[in-house]
């Protein structure tokens, strides 16, 4: 696993350096919003969504630089959602990644605007990335790439909007003080958490022109499994995690009387579902390794990532 951790750090560092470049400090009248955006965006984190985009790109034979704009956009969207989740009107968390939440470090109005600014800037970055791909496709005469690149921004919007992450957050708010059944809860998790963990495979498949291949189906299925597993582990850690490792308080789901995998299935049942989903993700990776059209090192990294997420403590 030492190679895995080294590669994981490389992907994360590549993401961090890219984010620092595209969102520099500004000395203008609105400099406070840039400070708040950078505070949250560059405040650490596992960078799992960009990592998934980089590794699935390599799985399909793409260079990571090709997908970099979309990876950075994904992390900005994710950070935007965290800023808004922490607000008093949402989850009301004072800490994120071991330090004050954006609204505590600045104020609520600035945090709302910082989240909005990151979300809108993410689409600017993604649109620039798509435009670059289309220009490249036109020059090379690759009409399929031009068509697929034009779909990416719209796909990203759909995965973030009311039928994606935001829709999941709406159901999540309903799940506070109102019991929801396992089917609605499953929808909640697949939208709120799963959509941004599945779209890396979708973007890589589109750019590589591989959306009608067995490897694409396996990669997407893998992403769906770890997306749900990721949420289950979050629910478990909220019960028995270490606040010092998590960088935030635990027990907040109980305070909010929220429906979670733990309240639905118990702690042991949630752990069993987590293990089942991880085993499914591992099986998909092994199937990818059998395909001559896939980068086997990337498939191995994806397998190791699934097991890492199963055992993570933060």
C-alpha atoms as a PDB file:
ATOM      1  CA  UNK A   1       0.000   0.000   0.000  1.00  0.00           C
ATOM      2  CA  UNK A   2       3.009   2.347   0.235  1.00  0.00           C
ATOM      3  CA  UNK A   3       2.784   3.021  -3.517  1.00  0.00           C
ATOM      4  CA  UNK A   4      -0.899   3.793  -3.081  1.00  0.00           C
ATOM      5  CA  UNK A   5      -0.305   6.394  -0.364  1.00  0.00           C
ATOM      6  CA  UNK A   6       2.473   8.004  -2.363  1.00  0.00           C
ATOM      7  CA  UNK A   7       0.240   8.252  -5.431  1.00  0.00           C
ATOM      8  CA  UNK A   8      -2.650   9.553  -3.321  1.00  0.00           C
ATOM      9  CA  UNK A   9      -0.408  12.312  -1.959  1.00  0.00           C
ATOM     10  CA  UNK A  10       0.777  13.137  -5.486  1.00  0.00           C
ATOM     11  CA  UNK A  11      -2.784  13.493  -6.758  1.00  0.00           C
ATOM     12  CA  UNK A  12      -3.738  15.643  -3.734  1.00  0.00           C
ATOM     13  CA  UNK A  13      -0.672  17.867  -4.090  1.00  0.00           C
ATOM     14  CA  UNK A  14      -1.355  18.280  -7.805  1.00  0.00           C
ATOM     15  CA  UNK A  15      -4.895  19.367  -6.936  1.00  0.00           C
ATOM     16  CA  UNK A  16      -3.752  21.775  -4.221  1.00  0.00           C
ATOM     17  CA  UNK A  17      -1.180  23.479  -6.446  1.00  0.00           C
ATOM     18  CA  UNK A  18      -3.752  23.849  -9.219  1.00  0.00           C
ATOM     19  CA  UNK A  19      -6.323  25.372  -6.864  1.00  0.00           C
ATOM     20  CA  UNK A  20      -3.758  27.806  -5.479  1.00  0.00           C
ATOM     21  CA  UNK A  21      -2.917  28.985  -9.002  1.00  0.00           C
ATOM     22  CA  UNK A  22      -6.468  29.467 -10.279  1.00  0.00           C
ATOM     23  CA  UNK A  23      -7.654  31.218  -7.100  1.00  0.00           C
ATOM     24  CA  UNK A  24      -4.851  33.618  -6.100  1.00  0.00           C
ATOM     25  CA  UNK A  25      -5.076  36.278  -3.414  1.00  0.00           C
ATOM     26  CA  UNK A  26      -6.531  39.547  -4.664  1.00  0.00           C
ATOM     27  CA  UNK A  27      -5.890  43.048  -3.377  1.00  0.00           C
ATOM     28  CA  UNK A  28      -9.056  44.780  -4.516  1.00  0.00           C
ATOM     29  CA  UNK A  29     -12.293  46.098  -3.015  1.00  0.00           C
ATOM     30  CA  UNK A  30     -13.736  42.573  -2.778  1.00  0.00           C
ATOM     31  CA  UNK A  31     -10.566  40.949  -1.440  1.00  0.00           C
ATOM     32  CA  UNK A  32     -12.387  39.552   1.615  1.00  0.00           C
ATOM     33  CA  UNK A  33     -14.417  37.172  -0.536  1.00  0.00           C
ATOM     34  CA  UNK A  34     -11.231  35.805  -2.088  1.00  0.00           C
ATOM     35  CA  UNK A  35      -9.778  35.341   1.379  1.00  0.00           C
ATOM     36  CA  UNK A  36     -12.874  33.395   2.486  1.00  0.00           C
ATOM     37  CA  UNK A  37     -12.861  31.277  -0.681  1.00  0.00           C
ATOM     38  CA  UNK A  38      -9.179  30.422  -0.264  1.00  0.00           C
ATOM     39  CA  UNK A  39      -9.619  29.778   3.460  1.00  0.00           C
ATOM     40  CA  UNK A  40     -12.120  27.005   2.791  1.00  0.00           C
ATOM     41  CA  UNK A  41     -10.768  25.713  -0.521  1.00  0.00           C
ATOM     42  CA  UNK A  42      -7.133  25.394   0.590  1.00  0.00           C
ATOM     43  CA  UNK A  43      -7.883  24.254   4.127  1.00  0.00           C
ATOM     44  CA  UNK A  44      -7.010  20.607   3.591  1.00  0.00           C
ATOM     45  CA  UNK A  45      -9.201  17.637   2.768  1.00  0.00           C
ATOM     46  CA  UNK A  46      -8.751  14.268   1.088  1.00  0.00           C
ATOM     47  CA  UNK A  47      -9.408  15.574  -2.466  1.00  0.00           C
ATOM     48  CA  UNK A  48     -11.186  12.300  -3.250  1.00  0.00           C
ATOM     49  CA  UNK A  49     -13.243  13.712  -6.128  1.00  0.00           C
ATOM     50  CA  UNK A  50     -10.263  15.089  -8.076  1.00  0.00           C
ATOM     51  CA  UNK A  51      -8.338  11.910  -7.263  1.00  0.00           C
ATOM     52  CA  UNK A  52     -11.124   9.821  -8.793  1.00  0.00           C
ATOM     53  CA  UNK A  53     -11.086  11.965 -11.916  1.00  0.00           C
ATOM     54  CA  UNK A  54      -7.317  11.707 -12.310  1.00  0.00           C
ATOM     55  CA  UNK A  55      -7.208   7.948 -11.794  1.00  0.00           C
ATOM     56  CA  UNK A  56     -10.162   7.165 -14.077  1.00  0.00           C
ATOM     57  CA  UNK A  57      -8.600   9.408 -16.731  1.00  0.00           C
ATOM     58  CA  UNK A  58      -5.409   7.354 -16.532  1.00  0.00           C
ATOM     59  CA  UNK A  59      -7.478   4.168 -16.506  1.00  0.00           C
ATOM     60  CA  UNK A  60      -8.802   5.175 -19.942  1.00  0.00           C
ATOM     61  CA  UNK A  61      -5.388   6.241 -21.235  1.00  0.00           C
ATOM     62  CA  UNK A  62      -5.769  10.000 -20.779  1.00  0.00           C
ATOM     63  CA  UNK A  63      -3.202  12.418 -19.398  1.00  0.00           C
ATOM     64  CA  UNK A  64      -4.207  13.988 -16.064  1.00  0.00           C
ATOM     65  CA  UNK A  65      -3.600  17.477 -17.466  1.00  0.00           C
ATOM     66  CA  UNK A  66      -6.497  16.862 -19.860  1.00  0.00           C
ATOM     67  CA  UNK A  67      -9.000  16.544 -17.027  1.00  0.00           C
ATOM     68  CA  UNK A  68      -7.380  18.973 -14.583  1.00  0.00           C
ATOM     69  CA  UNK A  69      -9.876  21.858 -15.114  1.00  0.00           C
ATOM     70  CA  UNK A  70     -12.777  19.549 -14.318  1.00  0.00           C
ATOM     71  CA  UNK A  71     -10.988  18.105 -11.276  1.00  0.00           C
ATOM     72  CA  UNK A  72     -10.422  21.589  -9.872  1.00  0.00           C
ATOM     73  CA  UNK A  73     -14.028  22.520 -10.629  1.00  0.00           C
ATOM     74  CA  UNK A  74     -15.254  19.446  -8.750  1.00  0.00           C
ATOM     75  CA  UNK A  75     -13.261  20.355  -5.658  1.00  0.00           C
ATOM     76  CA  UNK A  76     -14.595  23.912  -5.746  1.00  0.00           C
ATOM     77  CA  UNK A  77     -18.156  22.614  -5.999  1.00  0.00           C
ATOM     78  CA  UNK A  78     -17.552  20.227  -3.116  1.00  0.00           C
ATOM     79  CA  UNK A  79     -16.049  22.987  -0.960  1.00  0.00           C
ATOM     80  CA  UNK A  80     -18.974  25.267  -1.799  1.00  0.00           C
ATOM     81  CA  UNK A  81     -21.343  22.611  -0.489  1.00  0.00           C
ATOM     82  CA  UNK A  82     -19.319  22.217   2.724  1.00  0.00           C
ATOM     83  CA  UNK A  83     -19.403  25.961   3.410  1.00  0.00           C
ATOM     84  CA  UNK A  84     -23.175  25.994   3.005  1.00  0.00           C
ATOM     85  CA  UNK A  85     -23.666  22.732   4.943  1.00  0.00           C
ATOM     86  CA  UNK A  86     -21.912  24.232   7.966  1.00  0.00           C
ATOM     87  CA  UNK A  87     -24.214  27.272   8.134  1.00  0.00           C
ATOM     88  CA  UNK A  88     -26.696  27.565  11.038  1.00  0.00           C
ATOM     89  CA  UNK A  89     -29.606  27.114   8.619  1.00  0.00           C
ATOM     90  CA  UNK A  90     -28.170  23.753   7.557  1.00  0.00           C
ATOM     91  CA  UNK A  91     -26.014  21.523   9.796  1.00  0.00           C
ATOM     92  CA  UNK A  92     -24.807  24.340  12.078  1.00  0.00           C
ATOM     93  CA  UNK A  93     -21.213  23.094  12.464  1.00  0.00           C
ATOM     94  CA  UNK A  94     -18.593  25.333  14.032  1.00  0.00           C
ATOM     95  CA  UNK A  95     -15.589  23.363  12.776  1.00  0.00           C
ATOM     96  CA  UNK A  96     -14.446  21.920   9.469  1.00  0.00           C
ATOM     97  CA  UNK A  97     -11.149  20.137   8.767  1.00  0.00           C
ATOM     98  CA  UNK A  98      -9.799  20.954  12.214  1.00  0.00           C
ATOM     99  CA  UNK A  99     -10.460  24.683  12.200  1.00  0.00           C
ATOM    100  CA  UNK A 100     -13.306  27.165  12.327  1.00  0.00           C
ATOM    101  CA  UNK A 101     -16.000  26.846   9.662  1.00  0.00           C
ATOM    102  CA  UNK A 102     -16.117  29.620   7.097  1.00  0.00           C
ATOM    103  CA  UNK A 103     -19.049  31.399   8.762  1.00  0.00           C
ATOM    104  CA  UNK A 104     -17.263  31.282  12.125  1.00  0.00           C
ATOM    105  CA  UNK A 105     -13.946  32.505  10.736  1.00  0.00           C
ATOM    106  CA  UNK A 106     -15.662  35.315   8.822  1.00  0.00           C
ATOM    107  CA  UNK A 107     -19.444  35.753   9.149  1.00  0.00           C
ATOM    108  CA  UNK A 108     -22.592  34.153   7.769  1.00  0.00           C
ATOM    109  CA  UNK A 109     -23.082  36.594   4.907  1.00  0.00           C
ATOM    110  CA  UNK A 110     -19.483  36.204   3.740  1.00  0.00           C
ATOM    111  CA  UNK A 111     -19.738  32.414   3.984  1.00  0.00           C
ATOM    112  CA  UNK A 112     -22.895  32.364   1.857  1.00  0.00           C
ATOM    113  CA  UNK A 113     -21.223  34.531  -0.765  1.00  0.00           C
ATOM    114  CA  UNK A 114     -17.990  32.492  -0.639  1.00  0.00           C
ATOM    115  CA  UNK A 115     -19.962  29.301  -1.301  1.00  0.00           C
ATOM    116  CA  UNK A 116     -21.861  30.955  -4.138  1.00  0.00           C
ATOM    117  CA  UNK A 117     -18.632  32.362  -5.597  1.00  0.00           C
ATOM    118  CA  UNK A 118     -16.881  28.984  -5.548  1.00  0.00           C
ATOM    119  CA  UNK A 119     -19.848  27.321  -7.236  1.00  0.00           C
ATOM    120  CA  UNK A 120     -20.059  29.879 -10.027  1.00  0.00           C
ATOM    121  CA  UNK A 121     -16.294  29.999 -10.514  1.00  0.00           C
ATOM    122  CA  UNK A 122     -16.254  26.208 -10.760  1.00  0.00           C
ATOM    123  CA  UNK A 123     -18.478  26.371 -13.825  1.00  0.00           C
ATOM    124  CA  UNK A 124     -16.287  29.083 -15.333  1.00  0.00           C
ATOM    125  CA  UNK A 125     -13.262  26.803 -14.929  1.00  0.00           C
ATOM    126  CA  UNK A 126     -15.152  23.781 -16.290  1.00  0.00           C
ATOM    127  CA  UNK A 127     -16.435  25.787 -19.270  1.00  0.00           C
ATOM    128  CA  UNK A 128     -12.884  26.908 -20.072  1.00  0.00           C
ATOM    129  CA  UNK A 129     -11.769  23.282 -19.876  1.00  0.00           C
ATOM    130  CA  UNK A 130     -14.536  22.142 -22.213  1.00  0.00           C
ATOM    131  CA  UNK A 131     -13.774  24.989 -24.620  1.00  0.00           C
ATOM    132  CA  UNK A 132     -10.134  23.914 -24.731  1.00  0.00           C
ATOM    133  CA  UNK A 133     -11.121  20.342 -25.535  1.00  0.00           C
ATOM    134  CA  UNK A 134     -13.484  21.462 -28.285  1.00  0.00           C
ATOM    135  CA  UNK A 135     -10.766  23.615 -29.866  1.00  0.00           C
ATOM    136  CA  UNK A 136      -8.379  20.659 -29.744  1.00  0.00           C
ATOM    137  CA  UNK A 137     -11.036  18.400 -31.262  1.00  0.00           C
ATOM    138  CA  UNK A 138     -11.767  20.819 -34.105  1.00  0.00           C
ATOM    139  CA  UNK A 139      -8.074  21.157 -34.957  1.00  0.00           C
ATOM    140  CA  UNK A 140      -7.583  17.393 -34.972  1.00  0.00           C
ATOM    141  CA  UNK A 141     -10.873  16.646 -36.691  1.00  0.00           C
ATOM    142  CA  UNK A 142     -12.096  14.547 -33.743  1.00  0.00           C
ATOM    143  CA  UNK A 143     -15.832  15.197 -33.986  1.00  0.00           C
ATOM    144  CA  UNK A 144     -16.660  12.679 -31.241  1.00  0.00           C
ATOM    145  CA  UNK A 145     -14.470  14.535 -28.734  1.00  0.00           C
ATOM    146  CA  UNK A 146     -16.088  17.836 -29.736  1.00  0.00           C
ATOM    147  CA  UNK A 147     -19.558  16.388 -29.136  1.00  0.00           C
ATOM    148  CA  UNK A 148     -18.619  14.778 -25.837  1.00  0.00           C
ATOM    149  CA  UNK A 149     -16.728  17.806 -24.519  1.00  0.00           C
ATOM    150  CA  UNK A 150     -19.773  19.970 -25.146  1.00  0.00           C
ATOM    151  CA  UNK A 151     -21.799  17.676 -22.866  1.00  0.00           C
ATOM    152  CA  UNK A 152     -19.545  17.920 -19.809  1.00  0.00           C
ATOM    153  CA  UNK A 153     -20.666  21.257 -18.355  1.00  0.00           C
ATOM    154  CA  UNK A 154     -24.332  20.333 -18.690  1.00  0.00           C
ATOM    155  CA  UNK A 155     -23.694  16.948 -17.103  1.00  0.00           C
ATOM    156  CA  UNK A 156     -21.830  18.611 -14.254  1.00  0.00           C
ATOM    157  CA  UNK A 157     -24.729  21.009 -13.690  1.00  0.00           C
ATOM    158  CA  UNK A 158     -27.209  18.136 -13.558  1.00  0.00           C
ATOM    159  CA  UNK A 159     -25.102  16.264 -10.997  1.00  0.00           C
ATOM    160  CA  UNK A 160     -24.961  19.360  -8.805  1.00  0.00           C
ATOM    161  CA  UNK A 161     -28.556  20.593  -9.169  1.00  0.00           C
ATOM    162  CA  UNK A 162     -31.989  19.563  -7.980  1.00  0.00           C
ATOM    163  CA  UNK A 163     -31.617  16.052  -9.389  1.00  0.00           C
ATOM    164  CA  UNK A 164     -28.129  15.755  -7.875  1.00  0.00           C
ATOM    165  CA  UNK A 165     -26.228  17.115  -4.885  1.00  0.00           C
ATOM    166  CA  UNK A 166     -28.648  19.949  -4.067  1.00  0.00           C
ATOM    167  CA  UNK A 167     -31.622  17.624  -4.385  1.00  0.00           C
ATOM    168  CA  UNK A 168     -29.966  15.270  -1.938  1.00  0.00           C
ATOM    169  CA  UNK A 169     -29.430  18.131   0.495  1.00  0.00           C
ATOM    170  CA  UNK A 170     -33.143  18.956   0.305  1.00  0.00           C
ATOM    171  CA  UNK A 171     -34.008  15.385   1.330  1.00  0.00           C
ATOM    172  CA  UNK A 172     -31.294  15.530   4.009  1.00  0.00           C
ATOM    173  CA  UNK A 173     -32.950  18.551   5.607  1.00  0.00           C
ATOM    174  CA  UNK A 174     -36.251  16.676   5.573  1.00  0.00           C
ATOM    175  CA  UNK A 175     -34.526  13.763   7.344  1.00  0.00           C
ATOM    176  CA  UNK A 176     -33.945  15.974  10.401  1.00  0.00           C
ATOM    177  CA  UNK A 177     -36.740  15.421  12.946  1.00  0.00           C
ATOM    178  CA  UNK A 178     -38.733  13.506  10.295  1.00  0.00           C
ATOM    179  CA  UNK A 179     -38.094   9.796   9.837  1.00  0.00           C
ATOM    180  CA  UNK A 180     -37.602   8.692   6.229  1.00  0.00           C
ATOM    181  CA  UNK A 181     -37.561   5.109   4.998  1.00  0.00           C
ATOM    182  CA  UNK A 182     -34.559   3.258   3.598  1.00  0.00           C
ATOM    183  CA  UNK A 183     -35.554   3.903  -0.023  1.00  0.00           C
ATOM    184  CA  UNK A 184     -35.775   7.661   0.405  1.00  0.00           C
ATOM    185  CA  UNK A 185     -32.570   7.610   2.419  1.00  0.00           C
ATOM    186  CA  UNK A 186     -30.841   5.664  -0.338  1.00  0.00           C
ATOM    187  CA  UNK A 187     -31.943   8.338  -2.820  1.00  0.00           C
ATOM    188  CA  UNK A 188     -30.647  11.032  -0.468  1.00  0.00           C
ATOM    189  CA  UNK A 189     -27.165   9.488  -0.333  1.00  0.00           C
ATOM    190  CA  UNK A 190     -26.911   8.699  -4.027  1.00  0.00           C
ATOM    191  CA  UNK A 191     -27.778  12.310  -4.832  1.00  0.00           C
ATOM    192  CA  UNK A 192     -26.034  14.288  -2.084  1.00  0.00           C
ATOM    193  CA  UNK A 193     -22.804  12.276  -1.889  1.00  0.00           C
ATOM    194  CA  UNK A 194     -22.856   9.823  -4.771  1.00  0.00           C
ATOM    195  CA  UNK A 195     -23.314  12.206  -7.707  1.00  0.00           C
ATOM    196  CA  UNK A 196     -20.016  14.048  -7.229  1.00  0.00           C
ATOM    197  CA  UNK A 197     -18.195  10.747  -6.709  1.00  0.00           C
ATOM    198  CA  UNK A 198     -19.668   9.166  -9.849  1.00  0.00           C
ATOM    199  CA  UNK A 199     -19.179  12.041 -12.270  1.00  0.00           C
ATOM    200  CA  UNK A 200     -15.362  11.641 -12.443  1.00  0.00           C
ATOM    201  CA  UNK A 201     -15.838   8.316 -14.252  1.00  0.00           C
ATOM    202  CA  UNK A 202     -18.482   9.882 -16.481  1.00  0.00           C
ATOM    203  CA  UNK A 203     -16.240  12.808 -17.444  1.00  0.00           C
ATOM    204  CA  UNK A 204     -13.246  10.547 -18.124  1.00  0.00           C
ATOM    205  CA  UNK A 205     -15.379   8.228 -20.220  1.00  0.00           C
ATOM    206  CA  UNK A 206     -16.734  11.101 -22.292  1.00  0.00           C
ATOM    207  CA  UNK A 207     -13.322  12.614 -23.003  1.00  0.00           C
ATOM    208  CA  UNK A 208     -11.821   9.218 -23.834  1.00  0.00           C
ATOM    209  CA  UNK A 209     -14.795   8.300 -26.037  1.00  0.00           C
ATOM    210  CA  UNK A 210     -15.343   5.092 -24.065  1.00  0.00           C
ATOM    211  CA  UNK A 211     -18.903   5.472 -22.732  1.00  0.00           C
ATOM    212  CA  UNK A 212     -20.140   2.424 -24.658  1.00  0.00           C
ATOM    213  CA  UNK A 213     -17.452   0.059 -23.352  1.00  0.00           C
ATOM    214  CA  UNK A 214     -17.403  -2.558 -20.571  1.00  0.00           C
ATOM    215  CA  UNK A 215     -14.669  -0.648 -18.733  1.00  0.00           C
ATOM    216  CA  UNK A 216     -16.835   2.451 -18.580  1.00  0.00           C
ATOM    217  CA  UNK A 217     -19.704   0.503 -17.028  1.00  0.00           C
ATOM    218  CA  UNK A 218     -17.376  -1.049 -14.470  1.00  0.00           C
ATOM    219  CA  UNK A 219     -15.813   2.308 -13.582  1.00  0.00           C
ATOM    220  CA  UNK A 220     -19.223   3.940 -13.093  1.00  0.00           C
ATOM    221  CA  UNK A 221     -20.502   1.004 -11.022  1.00  0.00           C
ATOM    222  CA  UNK A 222     -17.341   1.190  -8.906  1.00  0.00           C
ATOM    223  CA  UNK A 223     -17.918   4.905  -8.333  1.00  0.00           C
ATOM    224  CA  UNK A 224     -21.530   4.330  -7.308  1.00  0.00           C
ATOM    225  CA  UNK A 225     -20.457   1.705  -4.778  1.00  0.00           C
ATOM    226  CA  UNK A 226     -17.776   3.815  -3.141  1.00  0.00           C
ATOM    227  CA  UNK A 227     -20.073   6.851  -3.195  1.00  0.00           C
ATOM    228  CA  UNK A 228     -22.606   5.032  -1.026  1.00  0.00           C
ATOM    229  CA  UNK A 229     -19.857   3.436   1.062  1.00  0.00           C
ATOM    230  CA  UNK A 230     -18.351   6.881   1.676  1.00  0.00           C
ATOM    231  CA  UNK A 231     -21.624   8.118   3.165  1.00  0.00           C
ATOM    232  CA  UNK A 232     -22.016   5.020   5.333  1.00  0.00           C
ATOM    233  CA  UNK A 233     -18.542   5.519   6.770  1.00  0.00           C
ATOM    234  CA  UNK A 234     -19.358   9.184   7.450  1.00  0.00           C
ATOM    235  CA  UNK A 235     -22.442   8.071   9.398  1.00  0.00           C
ATOM    236  CA  UNK A 236     -20.410   5.530  11.366  1.00  0.00           C
ATOM    237  CA  UNK A 237     -17.659   8.047  12.152  1.00  0.00           C
ATOM    238  CA  UNK A 238     -20.259  10.503  13.452  1.00  0.00           C
ATOM    239  CA  UNK A 239     -21.045   7.893  16.093  1.00  0.00           C
ATOM    240  CA  UNK A 240     -17.666   6.434  16.981  1.00  0.00           C
ATOM    241  CA  UNK A 241     -15.064   8.610  15.265  1.00  0.00           C
ATOM    242  CA  UNK A 242     -12.305  10.652  16.882  1.00  0.00           C
ATOM    243  CA  UNK A 243     -13.114  14.393  16.726  1.00  0.00           C
ATOM    244  CA  UNK A 244      -9.397  15.195  16.659  1.00  0.00           C
ATOM    245  CA  UNK A 245      -8.898  13.096  13.531  1.00  0.00           C
ATOM    246  CA  UNK A 246     -12.143  14.205  11.923  1.00  0.00           C
ATOM    247  CA  UNK A 247     -11.479  17.872  12.581  1.00  0.00           C
ATOM    248  CA  UNK A 248     -15.085  18.427  13.673  1.00  0.00           C
ATOM    249  CA  UNK A 249     -17.506  17.423  16.388  1.00  0.00           C
ATOM    250  CA  UNK A 250     -19.155  14.000  16.386  1.00  0.00           C
ATOM    251  CA  UNK A 251     -22.706  13.127  17.410  1.00  0.00           C
ATOM    252  CA  UNK A 252     -24.226  15.889  15.298  1.00  0.00           C
ATOM    253  CA  UNK A 253     -26.571  13.480  13.480  1.00  0.00           C
ATOM    254  CA  UNK A 254     -28.024  12.470  16.841  1.00  0.00           C
ATOM    255  CA  UNK A 255     -28.380  16.106  17.905  1.00  0.00           C
ATOM    256  CA  UNK A 256     -30.284  16.813  14.685  1.00  0.00           C
ATOM    257  CA  UNK A 257     -32.333  13.607  15.084  1.00  0.00           C
ATOM    258  CA  UNK A 258     -31.305  12.709  11.543  1.00  0.00           C
ATOM    259  CA  UNK A 259     -32.057   9.480   9.681  1.00  0.00           C
ATOM    260  CA  UNK A 260     -28.738   7.798   8.826  1.00  0.00           C
ATOM    261  CA  UNK A 261     -27.470   4.344   7.925  1.00  0.00           C
ATOM    262  CA  UNK A 262     -26.790   3.832  11.632  1.00  0.00           C
ATOM    263  CA  UNK A 263     -30.335   4.732  12.706  1.00  0.00           C
ATOM    264  CA  UNK A 264     -31.783   2.558   9.936  1.00  0.00           C
ATOM    265  CA  UNK A 265     -29.603  -0.531  10.342  1.00  0.00           C
ATOM    266  CA  UNK A 266     -27.717  -0.134  13.612  1.00  0.00           C
ATOM    267  CA  UNK A 267     -23.962   0.287  13.848  1.00  0.00           C
ATOM    268  CA  UNK A 268     -23.248  -3.367  13.007  1.00  0.00           C
ATOM    269  CA  UNK A 269     -25.715  -3.384  10.124  1.00  0.00           C
ATOM    270  CA  UNK A 270     -24.184  -0.196   8.707  1.00  0.00           C
ATOM    271  CA  UNK A 271     -20.706  -1.740   8.908  1.00  0.00           C
ATOM    272  CA  UNK A 272     -21.958  -4.837   7.109  1.00  0.00           C
ATOM    273  CA  UNK A 273     -23.404  -2.737   4.269  1.00  0.00           C
ATOM    274  CA  UNK A 274     -20.127  -0.826   4.093  1.00  0.00           C
ATOM    275  CA  UNK A 275     -18.188  -4.082   3.717  1.00  0.00           C
ATOM    276  CA  UNK A 276     -20.601  -5.350   1.037  1.00  0.00           C
ATOM    277  CA  UNK A 277     -20.260  -2.195  -1.048  1.00  0.00           C
ATOM    278  CA  UNK A 278     -16.481  -2.209  -0.691  1.00  0.00           C
ATOM    279  CA  UNK A 279     -16.378  -5.845  -1.809  1.00  0.00           C
ATOM    280  CA  UNK A 280     -18.485  -4.891  -4.858  1.00  0.00           C
ATOM    281  CA  UNK A 281     -16.095  -2.038  -5.692  1.00  0.00           C
ATOM    282  CA  UNK A 282     -13.090  -4.351  -5.319  1.00  0.00           C
ATOM    283  CA  UNK A 283     -14.719  -6.916  -7.622  1.00  0.00           C
ATOM    284  CA  UNK A 284     -15.277  -4.203 -10.256  1.00  0.00           C
ATOM    285  CA  UNK A 285     -11.587  -3.281 -10.047  1.00  0.00           C
ATOM    286  CA  UNK A 286     -10.517  -6.883 -10.479  1.00  0.00           C
ATOM    287  CA  UNK A 287     -12.751  -7.107 -13.543  1.00  0.00           C
ATOM    288  CA  UNK A 288     -11.102  -3.941 -14.910  1.00  0.00           C
ATOM    289  CA  UNK A 289      -7.687  -5.550 -14.478  1.00  0.00           C
ATOM    290  CA  UNK A 290      -8.772  -8.365 -16.769  1.00  0.00           C
ATOM    291  CA  UNK A 291      -9.470  -5.959 -19.637  1.00  0.00           C
ATOM    292  CA  UNK A 292      -6.554  -5.286 -21.983  1.00  0.00           C
ATOM    293  CA  UNK A 293      -8.009  -1.849 -22.755  1.00  0.00           C
ATOM    294  CA  UNK A 294      -7.453  -0.595 -19.188  1.00  0.00           C
ATOM    295  CA  UNK A 295      -4.423   0.685 -17.304  1.00  0.00           C
ATOM    296  CA  UNK A 296      -3.915  -2.025 -14.675  1.00  0.00           C
ATOM    297  CA  UNK A 297      -1.970   0.237 -12.324  1.00  0.00           C
ATOM    298  CA  UNK A 298      -4.907   2.624 -12.250  1.00  0.00           C
ATOM    299  CA  UNK A 299      -7.325  -0.243 -11.571  1.00  0.00           C
ATOM    300  CA  UNK A 300      -5.100  -1.379  -8.694  1.00  0.00           C
ATOM    301  CA  UNK A 301      -5.066   2.150  -7.265  1.00  0.00           C
ATOM    302  CA  UNK A 302      -8.873   2.226  -7.450  1.00  0.00           C
ATOM    303  CA  UNK A 303      -9.002  -1.077  -5.588  1.00  0.00           C
ATOM    304  CA  UNK A 304      -6.651   0.255  -2.903  1.00  0.00           C
ATOM    305  CA  UNK A 305      -8.719   3.437  -2.685  1.00  0.00           C
ATOM    306  CA  UNK A 306     -11.886   1.443  -1.986  1.00  0.00           C
ATOM    307  CA  UNK A 307     -10.136  -0.378   0.850  1.00  0.00           C
ATOM    308  CA  UNK A 308      -8.646   2.883   2.146  1.00  0.00           C
ATOM    309  CA  UNK A 309     -12.109   4.453   2.300  1.00  0.00           C
ATOM    310  CA  UNK A 310     -13.410   1.383   4.154  1.00  0.00           C
ATOM    311  CA  UNK A 311     -10.775   1.807   6.878  1.00  0.00           C
ATOM    312  CA  UNK A 312     -10.554   5.609   6.973  1.00  0.00           C
ATOM    313  CA  UNK A 313     -10.795   7.381  10.318  1.00  0.00           C
ATOM    314  CA  UNK A 314     -11.381  10.903   8.996  1.00  0.00           C
END
